[in-house]
Protein backbone atom coordinates (compact mmCIF):
# COMPACT_ATOMS: atom_id res chain seq x y z
CA MET A 1 80.70 -50.31 -87.50
CA HIS A 2 84.16 -51.47 -88.43
CA GLN A 3 87.61 -51.75 -86.96
CA ILE A 4 91.06 -52.39 -88.40
CA ILE A 5 93.13 -54.43 -86.00
CA ALA A 6 96.35 -54.57 -88.05
CA GLN A 7 99.12 -52.13 -87.19
CA LYS A 8 99.18 -49.42 -89.84
CA SER A 9 102.19 -47.96 -91.58
CA HIS A 10 102.52 -44.16 -91.64
CA GLU A 11 104.40 -44.24 -94.91
CA SER A 12 102.66 -43.02 -98.03
CA LEU A 13 100.92 -45.77 -100.01
CA LYS A 14 102.95 -46.22 -103.14
CA PHE A 15 102.75 -49.03 -105.67
CA ALA A 16 105.72 -50.35 -107.55
CA ALA A 17 105.56 -51.12 -111.25
CA MET A 18 103.99 -54.43 -112.16
CA SER A 19 106.47 -57.13 -111.17
CA SER A 20 107.10 -60.23 -113.24
CA LYS A 21 107.09 -62.32 -110.07
CA GLN A 22 104.16 -63.37 -107.91
CA ARG A 23 103.79 -61.92 -104.44
CA THR A 24 101.80 -62.36 -101.27
CA LEU A 25 101.46 -60.56 -97.92
CA LYS A 26 104.40 -60.46 -95.53
CA ALA A 27 102.15 -61.22 -92.55
CA PRO A 28 98.49 -61.87 -91.73
CA VAL A 29 96.17 -58.89 -91.46
CA HIS A 30 93.02 -58.83 -89.33
CA LEU A 31 89.82 -56.84 -89.87
CA GLN A 32 86.39 -56.74 -88.30
CA GLY A 33 83.05 -55.34 -89.44
CA VAL A 34 79.45 -56.08 -90.36
CA GLY A 35 78.16 -57.63 -93.55
CA LEU A 36 76.18 -55.20 -95.69
CA HIS A 37 73.33 -57.58 -96.45
CA THR A 38 73.41 -60.09 -93.56
CA GLY A 39 74.14 -57.52 -90.83
CA ALA A 40 76.33 -60.14 -89.11
CA MET A 41 79.54 -59.09 -87.31
CA VAL A 42 82.44 -60.81 -89.02
CA ASN A 43 86.11 -61.27 -88.16
CA MET A 44 88.34 -61.59 -91.20
CA THR A 45 91.99 -62.54 -91.56
CA ILE A 46 93.92 -62.21 -94.81
CA LEU A 47 96.76 -64.73 -94.77
CA PRO A 48 99.86 -65.08 -96.96
CA ALA A 49 99.54 -67.99 -99.41
CA PRO A 50 102.05 -70.04 -101.42
CA GLU A 51 102.89 -69.58 -105.09
CA ASN A 52 100.10 -70.31 -107.61
CA HIS A 53 97.53 -70.45 -104.80
CA GLY A 54 95.52 -67.53 -106.11
CA TYR A 55 92.66 -66.10 -104.03
CA ALA A 56 90.46 -68.28 -101.83
CA PHE A 57 88.05 -67.85 -98.92
CA GLN A 58 87.76 -70.12 -95.89
CA ARG A 59 84.69 -70.33 -93.66
CA ILE A 60 86.38 -71.09 -90.34
CA ASP A 61 83.02 -70.89 -88.53
CA LEU A 62 81.87 -74.10 -90.24
CA GLU A 63 82.84 -77.54 -89.00
CA ALA A 64 84.36 -78.47 -92.37
CA GLN A 65 86.21 -75.11 -92.57
CA THR A 66 85.48 -75.18 -96.29
CA ILE A 67 87.84 -73.39 -98.67
CA ILE A 68 86.05 -71.63 -101.51
CA LYS A 69 88.21 -70.72 -104.48
CA ALA A 70 87.71 -67.34 -106.12
CA ASP A 71 86.44 -68.64 -109.44
CA PRO A 72 83.69 -67.32 -111.75
CA ASP A 73 82.33 -70.85 -112.10
CA LEU A 74 81.60 -70.91 -108.35
CA VAL A 75 79.44 -67.75 -108.41
CA VAL A 76 75.88 -68.55 -107.31
CA GLY A 77 74.48 -65.06 -106.77
CA THR A 78 75.00 -61.54 -108.13
CA GLN A 79 72.18 -59.58 -106.48
CA ARG A 80 73.83 -56.43 -105.03
CA GLY A 81 77.08 -58.36 -104.64
CA THR A 82 78.99 -61.44 -105.80
CA THR A 83 78.37 -64.67 -103.85
CA LEU A 84 80.57 -67.78 -104.12
CA GLU A 85 79.66 -71.30 -103.02
CA TRP A 86 81.53 -74.60 -102.73
CA GLN A 87 80.26 -77.79 -101.10
CA GLY A 88 77.38 -75.97 -99.45
CA ALA A 89 79.52 -73.18 -97.97
CA ARG A 90 78.88 -69.63 -99.16
CA VAL A 91 80.64 -66.31 -98.91
CA HIS A 92 78.77 -63.11 -99.84
CA THR A 93 79.94 -59.71 -101.11
CA THR A 94 83.40 -60.81 -102.25
CA GLU A 95 84.05 -58.07 -104.78
CA HIS A 96 85.59 -55.33 -102.58
CA ILE A 97 88.25 -57.47 -100.88
CA LEU A 98 89.13 -59.11 -104.21
CA ALA A 99 89.45 -55.68 -105.81
CA ALA A 100 91.76 -54.60 -102.95
CA LEU A 101 94.02 -57.63 -103.44
CA TYR A 102 94.05 -57.34 -107.22
CA GLY A 103 94.58 -53.57 -107.11
CA SER A 104 97.43 -54.11 -104.62
CA LYS A 105 98.98 -56.59 -107.06
CA VAL A 106 98.78 -59.48 -104.61
CA ASP A 107 98.75 -62.83 -106.43
CA ASN A 108 98.15 -65.23 -103.55
CA ALA A 109 96.06 -64.87 -100.41
CA LEU A 110 93.75 -66.94 -98.18
CA ILE A 111 90.86 -64.95 -96.68
CA GLN A 112 89.49 -66.53 -93.50
CA ILE A 113 86.10 -65.38 -92.17
CA ASP A 114 83.98 -66.53 -89.25
CA GLY A 115 80.70 -65.58 -90.89
CA PRO A 116 78.84 -65.73 -94.20
CA GLU A 117 79.76 -62.32 -95.60
CA ILE A 118 82.81 -60.13 -96.11
CA PRO A 119 82.49 -56.99 -93.92
CA ILE A 120 81.36 -53.93 -95.83
CA MET A 121 83.71 -51.57 -93.90
CA ASP A 122 83.17 -48.08 -95.35
CA GLY A 123 81.56 -49.34 -98.57
CA SER A 124 84.76 -49.11 -100.61
CA ALA A 125 87.98 -51.13 -100.92
CA TRP A 126 90.13 -48.53 -99.17
CA LEU A 127 90.23 -49.98 -95.63
CA PHE A 128 91.18 -53.37 -97.09
CA VAL A 129 93.95 -51.76 -99.16
CA GLU A 130 95.19 -49.79 -96.14
CA ALA A 131 95.36 -52.95 -94.01
CA ILE A 132 97.12 -54.93 -96.74
CA GLN A 133 99.67 -52.16 -97.24
CA SER A 134 100.34 -51.98 -93.50
CA VAL A 135 102.03 -55.41 -93.49
CA GLY A 136 103.74 -55.14 -96.87
CA PHE A 137 104.49 -57.73 -99.53
CA GLU A 138 106.66 -60.81 -99.96
CA GLU A 139 107.97 -61.47 -103.48
CA GLN A 140 107.81 -65.12 -104.52
CA ASN A 141 109.87 -67.16 -106.97
CA ALA A 142 107.12 -68.14 -109.42
CA ASP A 143 106.40 -65.95 -112.42
CA ARG A 144 103.20 -63.90 -112.32
CA LEU A 145 100.32 -65.33 -114.36
CA TYR A 146 98.93 -63.09 -117.09
CA LEU A 147 96.08 -63.25 -119.56
CA THR A 148 97.20 -61.27 -122.60
CA LEU A 149 94.38 -60.40 -124.96
CA LYS A 150 95.32 -61.13 -128.57
CA GLU A 151 91.99 -60.29 -130.17
CA ASN A 152 88.73 -58.54 -129.32
CA LEU A 153 86.27 -60.21 -126.95
CA THR A 154 82.65 -59.03 -126.70
CA TYR A 155 79.69 -59.65 -124.38
CA GLU A 156 76.15 -58.27 -124.58
CA ASP A 157 73.00 -58.78 -122.55
CA ALA A 158 70.19 -56.97 -124.33
CA ASP A 159 67.69 -57.47 -121.51
CA ARG A 160 70.00 -55.85 -118.95
CA GLN A 161 71.42 -53.40 -121.52
CA ILE A 162 74.95 -54.52 -120.64
CA GLU A 163 77.72 -54.25 -123.21
CA MET A 164 81.34 -55.21 -122.57
CA LEU A 165 84.32 -55.24 -124.88
CA ALA A 166 87.94 -56.26 -124.28
CA VAL A 167 90.65 -55.26 -126.74
CA PRO A 168 94.43 -55.74 -126.77
CA THR A 169 96.65 -52.92 -125.52
CA THR A 170 99.90 -52.08 -127.27
CA GLY A 171 101.81 -51.72 -124.01
CA GLY A 172 100.24 -54.76 -122.35
CA GLU A 173 98.76 -52.65 -119.54
CA PHE A 174 95.40 -53.25 -117.84
CA ARG A 175 92.88 -50.51 -118.61
CA LEU A 176 89.24 -50.07 -117.67
CA THR A 177 86.61 -47.68 -119.02
CA VAL A 178 83.09 -47.61 -117.56
CA MET A 179 79.86 -45.88 -118.57
CA VAL A 180 76.81 -45.94 -116.29
CA ASP A 181 73.41 -44.55 -117.23
CA TYR A 182 70.52 -44.71 -114.76
CA ASN A 183 68.21 -42.15 -116.43
CA SER A 184 68.18 -40.34 -113.10
CA PRO A 185 68.31 -36.55 -112.56
CA VAL A 186 70.84 -37.02 -109.75
CA LEU A 187 73.12 -39.55 -111.44
CA GLY A 188 72.47 -39.27 -115.16
CA THR A 189 75.25 -40.62 -117.37
CA GLN A 190 78.70 -40.95 -115.85
CA HIS A 191 82.05 -42.24 -117.10
CA ALA A 192 85.11 -43.47 -115.26
CA HIS A 193 88.44 -44.80 -116.40
CA MET A 194 91.61 -46.38 -115.05
CA TYR A 195 94.54 -46.28 -117.47
CA GLN A 196 96.70 -48.70 -115.51
CA LEU A 197 96.45 -50.76 -112.34
CA ASP A 198 98.84 -48.39 -110.55
CA HIS A 199 96.00 -45.84 -110.43
CA PHE A 200 93.63 -48.13 -108.52
CA VAL A 201 94.60 -47.07 -104.99
CA GLU A 202 94.40 -43.31 -105.26
CA GLU A 203 91.68 -42.98 -107.87
CA ILE A 204 89.37 -45.97 -107.38
CA SER A 205 89.78 -47.80 -104.05
CA ARG A 206 88.15 -45.07 -101.92
CA CYS A 207 84.94 -44.91 -103.98
CA ARG A 208 81.94 -46.13 -101.97
CA THR A 209 78.98 -48.26 -102.92
CA PHE A 210 75.77 -46.38 -103.62
CA VAL A 211 72.03 -47.00 -103.65
CA PHE A 212 68.93 -45.01 -104.56
CA LEU A 213 66.58 -44.17 -101.71
CA ARG A 214 63.72 -45.61 -103.77
CA GLU A 215 65.53 -49.00 -103.82
CA LEU A 216 65.88 -49.30 -100.04
CA GLU A 217 62.33 -50.54 -99.48
CA ILE A 218 62.70 -53.28 -102.10
CA LEU A 219 66.11 -54.35 -100.76
CA ALA A 220 64.83 -54.48 -97.18
CA LYS A 221 61.81 -56.58 -98.17
CA ASN A 222 64.19 -59.02 -99.88
CA GLY A 223 66.19 -59.44 -96.65
CA LEU A 224 69.16 -57.40 -97.87
CA ILE A 225 71.15 -54.38 -96.52
CA LYS A 226 70.64 -55.41 -92.88
CA GLY A 227 74.08 -53.94 -92.15
CA GLY A 228 73.65 -50.83 -94.29
CA SER A 229 74.13 -47.34 -92.89
CA LEU A 230 75.14 -43.87 -93.99
CA ASP A 231 78.68 -44.84 -92.92
CA ASN A 232 79.04 -47.49 -95.61
CA ALA A 233 76.92 -46.37 -98.57
CA ILE A 234 76.03 -43.28 -100.53
CA VAL A 235 72.25 -42.91 -100.67
CA MET A 236 71.12 -41.08 -103.79
CA VAL A 237 67.80 -39.19 -103.71
CA ASP A 238 66.33 -38.69 -107.19
CA GLN A 239 62.73 -37.67 -106.33
CA GLN A 240 60.79 -35.66 -103.74
CA TYR A 241 59.91 -37.39 -100.42
CA SER A 242 57.70 -36.32 -97.55
CA GLU A 243 58.82 -36.71 -93.93
CA ALA A 244 56.24 -39.47 -93.47
CA GLN A 245 57.63 -41.41 -96.45
CA ILE A 246 61.16 -41.12 -95.09
CA LYS A 247 60.05 -42.35 -91.66
CA ASP A 248 58.30 -45.36 -93.22
CA ILE A 249 61.45 -46.30 -95.12
CA LEU A 250 63.65 -45.94 -92.04
CA LYS A 251 61.21 -47.99 -89.96
CA LEU A 252 61.31 -50.76 -92.54
CA LEU A 253 65.10 -50.69 -92.29
CA GLY A 254 64.97 -50.79 -88.47
CA LYS A 255 66.64 -47.38 -88.29
CA GLU A 256 63.71 -45.20 -87.25
CA ASP A 257 65.94 -43.32 -84.78
CA LEU A 258 68.33 -42.21 -87.53
CA GLU A 259 68.39 -38.45 -88.09
CA VAL A 260 68.43 -37.67 -91.80
CA GLN A 261 68.05 -34.62 -93.96
CA VAL A 262 66.45 -34.77 -97.37
CA GLU A 263 66.22 -31.49 -99.19
CA GLY A 264 64.92 -32.34 -102.63
CA ILE A 265 67.09 -34.17 -105.15
CA GLY A 266 70.70 -34.96 -104.28
CA VAL A 267 72.57 -37.11 -101.75
CA LEU A 268 71.01 -38.15 -98.45
CA ASN A 269 72.40 -36.19 -95.47
CA THR A 270 74.32 -34.08 -98.01
CA VAL A 271 77.26 -36.52 -97.85
CA LYS A 272 80.18 -35.03 -99.77
CA LEU A 273 81.22 -37.11 -102.77
CA GLN A 274 84.95 -37.76 -103.07
CA PHE A 275 84.71 -37.48 -106.86
CA GLU A 276 81.96 -36.04 -108.99
CA ASN A 277 81.71 -39.43 -110.71
CA GLU A 278 82.17 -41.53 -107.56
CA PRO A 279 79.26 -43.89 -108.45
CA ALA A 280 80.84 -44.69 -111.83
CA ARG A 281 84.23 -45.18 -110.18
CA HIS A 282 82.66 -47.61 -107.72
CA LYS A 283 81.23 -49.56 -110.65
CA LEU A 284 84.78 -49.74 -111.99
CA LEU A 285 85.95 -50.97 -108.57
CA ASP A 286 83.33 -53.74 -108.71
CA ILE A 287 84.57 -54.82 -112.15
CA VAL A 288 88.14 -55.08 -110.82
CA GLY A 289 86.91 -57.30 -107.97
CA ASP A 290 84.76 -59.52 -110.18
CA LEU A 291 87.47 -59.91 -112.82
CA ALA A 292 89.88 -60.97 -110.07
CA LEU A 293 87.92 -64.24 -110.17
CA VAL A 294 89.68 -65.01 -113.47
CA GLY A 295 92.87 -65.83 -111.53
CA ARG A 296 95.26 -63.88 -113.74
CA PHE A 297 96.32 -60.31 -114.26
CA VAL A 298 94.74 -59.09 -117.47
CA ARG A 299 96.71 -57.34 -120.17
CA GLY A 300 94.10 -55.51 -122.20
CA HIS A 301 91.55 -52.70 -122.24
CA ILE A 302 88.05 -53.50 -121.01
CA LEU A 303 85.19 -51.17 -121.83
CA ALA A 304 81.89 -51.66 -120.00
CA ALA A 305 78.55 -49.97 -120.56
CA ARG A 306 75.95 -50.22 -117.76
CA PRO A 307 77.86 -52.99 -115.95
CA GLY A 308 76.70 -54.97 -112.93
CA HIS A 309 77.86 -58.02 -111.04
CA TYR A 310 75.94 -60.39 -113.30
CA GLY A 311 77.56 -59.06 -116.47
CA ASN A 312 80.97 -58.79 -114.80
CA VAL A 313 80.87 -62.48 -113.82
CA GLN A 314 79.69 -63.58 -117.26
CA PHE A 315 82.57 -61.66 -118.81
CA ALA A 316 84.99 -63.20 -116.29
CA LYS A 317 83.80 -66.63 -117.47
CA LEU A 318 84.59 -65.66 -121.06
CA LEU A 319 88.08 -64.56 -120.03
CA LYS A 320 88.58 -67.82 -118.14
CA GLY A 321 87.53 -69.62 -121.32
CA LEU A 322 90.37 -67.89 -123.17
CA ILE A 323 92.83 -69.29 -120.62
CA LYS A 324 91.49 -72.81 -121.10
CA ALA A 325 91.63 -72.48 -124.89
CA GLU A 326 95.19 -71.23 -124.60
CA LYS A 327 96.14 -74.25 -122.49
CA ASP A 328 94.41 -76.67 -124.85
CA ALA A 329 95.88 -75.14 -128.01
CA ALA A 330 98.75 -76.98 -129.62
CA PRO A 331 102.06 -75.15 -129.52
CA VAL A 332 103.27 -73.57 -132.76
CA PHE A 333 106.49 -75.04 -134.15
CA ASP A 334 108.74 -73.59 -136.83
CA LEU A 335 109.62 -76.73 -138.75
CA TYR A 336 111.98 -74.87 -141.07
CA LYS A 337 114.22 -73.25 -138.48
CA LYS A 338 117.84 -74.39 -138.27
CA PRO A 339 117.83 -77.48 -136.01
CA LEU A 340 119.70 -77.63 -132.76
CA TYR A 341 120.83 -81.17 -133.67
CA ASP A 342 120.69 -82.64 -137.17
CA ILE A 343 120.70 -86.36 -138.00
CA ASN A 344 124.52 -86.53 -137.84
CA ASP A 345 124.53 -85.01 -134.35
CA ILE A 346 121.77 -87.38 -133.27
CA SER A 347 123.69 -90.43 -134.57
CA LYS A 348 126.63 -89.46 -132.38
CA MET A 349 124.41 -89.37 -129.28
CA LEU A 350 122.06 -92.31 -129.80
CA PRO A 351 123.23 -95.89 -130.42
CA HIS A 352 120.19 -96.63 -132.67
CA ARG A 353 120.60 -97.25 -136.40
CA TYR A 354 118.37 -98.09 -139.37
CA PRO A 355 115.64 -99.21 -139.17
CA PHE A 356 115.29 -98.17 -135.54
CA LEU A 357 116.59 -94.60 -135.50
CA LEU A 358 113.30 -92.71 -135.33
CA VAL A 359 114.37 -89.09 -134.79
CA ASP A 360 115.39 -86.85 -137.70
CA LYS A 361 116.23 -83.59 -135.92
CA ILE A 362 115.96 -81.70 -132.67
CA LEU A 363 114.41 -78.26 -133.07
CA GLU A 364 115.06 -76.80 -129.63
CA MET A 365 115.87 -77.65 -126.04
CA ASP A 366 115.91 -75.74 -122.76
CA ALA A 367 116.39 -76.56 -119.07
CA THR A 368 113.17 -78.56 -118.80
CA SER A 369 111.99 -79.47 -122.31
CA ILE A 370 112.97 -80.68 -125.78
CA THR A 371 111.27 -80.69 -129.19
CA GLY A 372 112.13 -83.23 -131.89
CA ILE A 373 110.84 -84.33 -135.31
CA LYS A 374 110.22 -87.62 -137.09
CA ASN A 375 109.33 -87.41 -140.79
CA VAL A 376 107.10 -90.38 -141.61
CA THR A 377 107.52 -91.67 -145.19
CA MET A 378 106.16 -94.65 -147.12
CA ASN A 379 109.71 -96.04 -147.15
CA GLU A 380 109.43 -97.03 -143.47
CA PRO A 381 109.89 -100.84 -143.36
CA PHE A 382 107.02 -101.38 -140.91
CA PHE A 383 104.47 -100.18 -143.50
CA GLN A 384 105.01 -103.41 -145.48
CA GLY A 385 103.08 -105.35 -142.86
CA HIS A 386 101.22 -102.61 -140.92
CA PHE A 387 99.01 -102.74 -142.89
CA PRO A 388 99.07 -103.71 -146.61
CA GLY A 389 96.82 -101.27 -148.44
CA ASN A 390 96.25 -99.27 -145.23
CA PRO A 391 99.61 -97.99 -143.95
CA VAL A 392 99.43 -96.84 -140.30
CA MET A 393 102.44 -96.14 -138.05
CA PRO A 394 102.33 -98.52 -135.06
CA GLY A 395 101.58 -96.82 -131.76
CA VAL A 396 104.49 -98.55 -130.03
CA LEU A 397 106.88 -96.99 -132.54
CA GLN A 398 105.37 -93.56 -131.91
CA VAL A 399 106.19 -94.05 -128.24
CA GLU A 400 109.64 -95.34 -129.17
CA ALA A 401 110.33 -92.24 -131.27
CA MET A 402 109.10 -90.06 -128.42
CA ALA A 403 111.39 -91.90 -126.01
CA GLN A 404 114.37 -91.38 -128.31
CA VAL A 405 113.75 -87.63 -128.22
CA GLY A 406 113.66 -87.89 -124.42
CA GLY A 407 116.85 -89.94 -124.57
CA ILE A 408 118.63 -87.14 -126.40
CA TYR A 409 117.55 -84.72 -123.67
CA ALA A 410 118.79 -87.10 -120.95
CA LEU A 411 122.13 -87.75 -122.66
CA SER A 412 122.69 -84.04 -123.20
CA GLN A 413 122.82 -83.67 -119.39
CA VAL A 414 125.91 -85.88 -118.98
CA PRO A 415 129.53 -85.51 -120.15
CA ASP A 416 130.61 -87.84 -122.96
CA PRO A 417 127.05 -88.88 -123.87
CA GLU A 418 128.36 -91.53 -126.28
CA LEU A 419 129.43 -93.55 -123.22
CA TYR A 420 125.84 -93.66 -121.88
CA SER A 421 122.55 -95.24 -122.85
CA THR A 422 118.98 -94.73 -121.70
CA TYR A 423 116.76 -97.57 -120.56
CA PHE A 424 113.00 -97.71 -120.20
CA MET A 425 111.78 -98.32 -116.65
CA LYS A 426 108.10 -97.36 -116.89
CA ILE A 427 105.51 -96.05 -119.35
CA ASP A 428 102.18 -94.67 -118.08
CA GLY A 429 99.14 -92.84 -119.37
CA VAL A 430 99.67 -93.72 -123.03
CA LYS A 431 96.89 -92.41 -125.32
CA PHE A 432 96.56 -92.53 -129.09
CA LYS A 433 94.19 -89.92 -130.48
CA GLN A 434 94.42 -90.29 -134.25
CA LYS A 435 96.27 -92.28 -136.93
CA VAL A 436 99.76 -91.34 -138.12
CA LEU A 437 100.13 -91.90 -141.86
CA PRO A 438 102.87 -91.71 -144.51
CA GLY A 439 103.60 -88.06 -145.30
CA ASP A 440 102.96 -86.89 -141.73
CA THR A 441 105.53 -84.94 -139.74
CA LEU A 442 105.52 -86.01 -136.11
CA VAL A 443 106.57 -83.28 -133.70
CA PHE A 444 107.41 -84.47 -130.19
CA ARG A 445 107.34 -82.06 -127.25
CA LEU A 446 108.71 -83.52 -124.00
CA THR A 447 108.84 -81.75 -120.65
CA LEU A 448 110.61 -82.77 -117.47
CA GLU A 449 108.15 -83.80 -114.74
CA SER A 450 110.71 -83.67 -111.93
CA PRO A 451 114.44 -82.93 -111.55
CA ILE A 452 116.80 -85.66 -112.72
CA ARG A 453 118.04 -87.62 -109.69
CA ARG A 454 120.28 -90.71 -109.60
CA GLY A 455 120.08 -90.87 -113.40
CA LEU A 456 116.26 -91.19 -113.36
CA VAL A 457 114.54 -89.09 -116.02
CA ASN A 458 110.75 -88.61 -115.72
CA MET A 459 109.20 -86.85 -118.73
CA ARG A 460 105.79 -86.20 -120.19
CA GLY A 461 105.62 -86.34 -123.97
CA VAL A 462 103.01 -85.21 -126.48
CA ALA A 463 103.15 -85.87 -130.23
CA TYR A 464 101.53 -83.55 -132.77
CA VAL A 465 100.68 -83.78 -136.47
CA ASN A 466 99.49 -80.58 -138.16
CA GLY A 467 98.90 -78.96 -134.76
CA LYS A 468 96.71 -81.81 -133.44
CA GLU A 469 97.66 -84.19 -130.65
CA VAL A 470 98.09 -87.74 -131.88
CA CYS A 471 99.81 -89.40 -128.91
CA GLU A 472 100.85 -88.74 -125.32
CA ALA A 473 102.68 -90.68 -122.62
CA LEU A 474 104.47 -90.42 -119.28
CA MET A 475 107.89 -92.10 -119.40
CA LEU A 476 110.50 -92.97 -116.83
CA ALA A 477 113.99 -93.88 -118.02
CA GLN A 478 117.41 -94.33 -116.47
CA VAL A 479 120.69 -93.02 -117.84
CA VAL A 480 123.54 -95.47 -117.31
CA LYS A 481 127.00 -96.09 -118.67
CA ASP A 482 127.28 -98.93 -121.18
CA LYS A 483 129.33 -101.05 -118.81
CA VAL A 484 126.46 -100.86 -116.31
CA ALA A 485 123.90 -101.42 -119.04
CA ALA A 486 125.63 -104.63 -120.07
CA THR A 487 124.64 -106.24 -116.76
CA THR A 488 121.07 -104.97 -116.82
CA THR A 489 118.58 -107.76 -117.39
CA GLU A 490 115.31 -106.31 -116.05
CA THR A 491 114.99 -103.26 -118.24
CA GLU A 492 114.43 -102.87 -121.94
CA LYS A 493 116.83 -100.71 -123.91
CA VAL A 494 115.09 -97.81 -125.65
């Protein structure tokens, strides 16, 4: 039913502690097997991918060879598996390979398939993990992306009786606790836990998917489990069946020649469970795979009661929402910290003087960014005419103040900065989002868009008042010595 084509390592499978750097596979790995629901034979190749690529699938059997990003917003189906779709191309049953990559601490990978569904292999994530480990890992330069939970996050679906809760962890580790309850004499209530991601391989990855014998007829009538067999699923028997009933079910599945043994309640063919709570552990495996859609390694403890793919994906969307909120949130500035440069330092670097020196202090600066402050008071001369009875700081002066902060960054990169000046060459993408009034404190945060070359400084700036964006712009300036600046006629001095 399945075959691993990659050369395997005979070394024990050990996982290093969570690295702060991203990593990918050292080489491609090839696998082959049937899809659980489609029954189609599929060839799959897991390829190394560049930094910040994340996980993505590519349907190489389609003319467009569509790439489908692993993203909770692209999930279009959660019936007995997680299905992704992009531009009309679908990939089914993604959760086990994503769990294998996530549990192997792989940040970036491209999964190519020549069919519509990921092969089911043995019904667990183990054969994927084994193949990934056989080629090893390549550490990359970019820092690993994390989602660190800072407060509790809850999800509940009363109709499906799903409850999920995520809480911060003191050590920043990723933990999972699962409770499943099927009101069945064979399964009953089970719990499973994973205290850190290092435990995924040995304790979770080998746990196989499971199904109740009573569900097989329904699944078959819905066109599912065409590739199912006793080699890739645990079949749970929770009621008495006659031989005739068993034969009818097998005939419906197209497996009437299959020899099975059903002796009352238990597991079909008396398959030996690897763990007493293997079904609950497989549910945990599914959560790992579905949460891999978030695109970051989670730092927090997730507790799930009666989970399924639908609830997992909805919770992944909530986690993705936290990332977006984090990106959209204004940075927090300590306006009372000792400045890196005070007004006297700034006056030595910039040639501007009253009334055109529009930076009061520089809070901080690193290799790629700078933060500066302009205190806006009613004593500003421009308020006399802009506007009488309605004082508003002109937008062009907001951009000028922002540019002066960028000028300090640029001049700090050269020796003897007093011998240099900065000159505007281009301003793009300027937006004004709210008025700046007397009494406001403007905080400018500028970041370098590209390395400084030939004196050209390309920076993106955002201005904040009380934590809200008021202005943004992309600016290009050139750093030149004054003797060069004296002959410049086509640029405007900042």
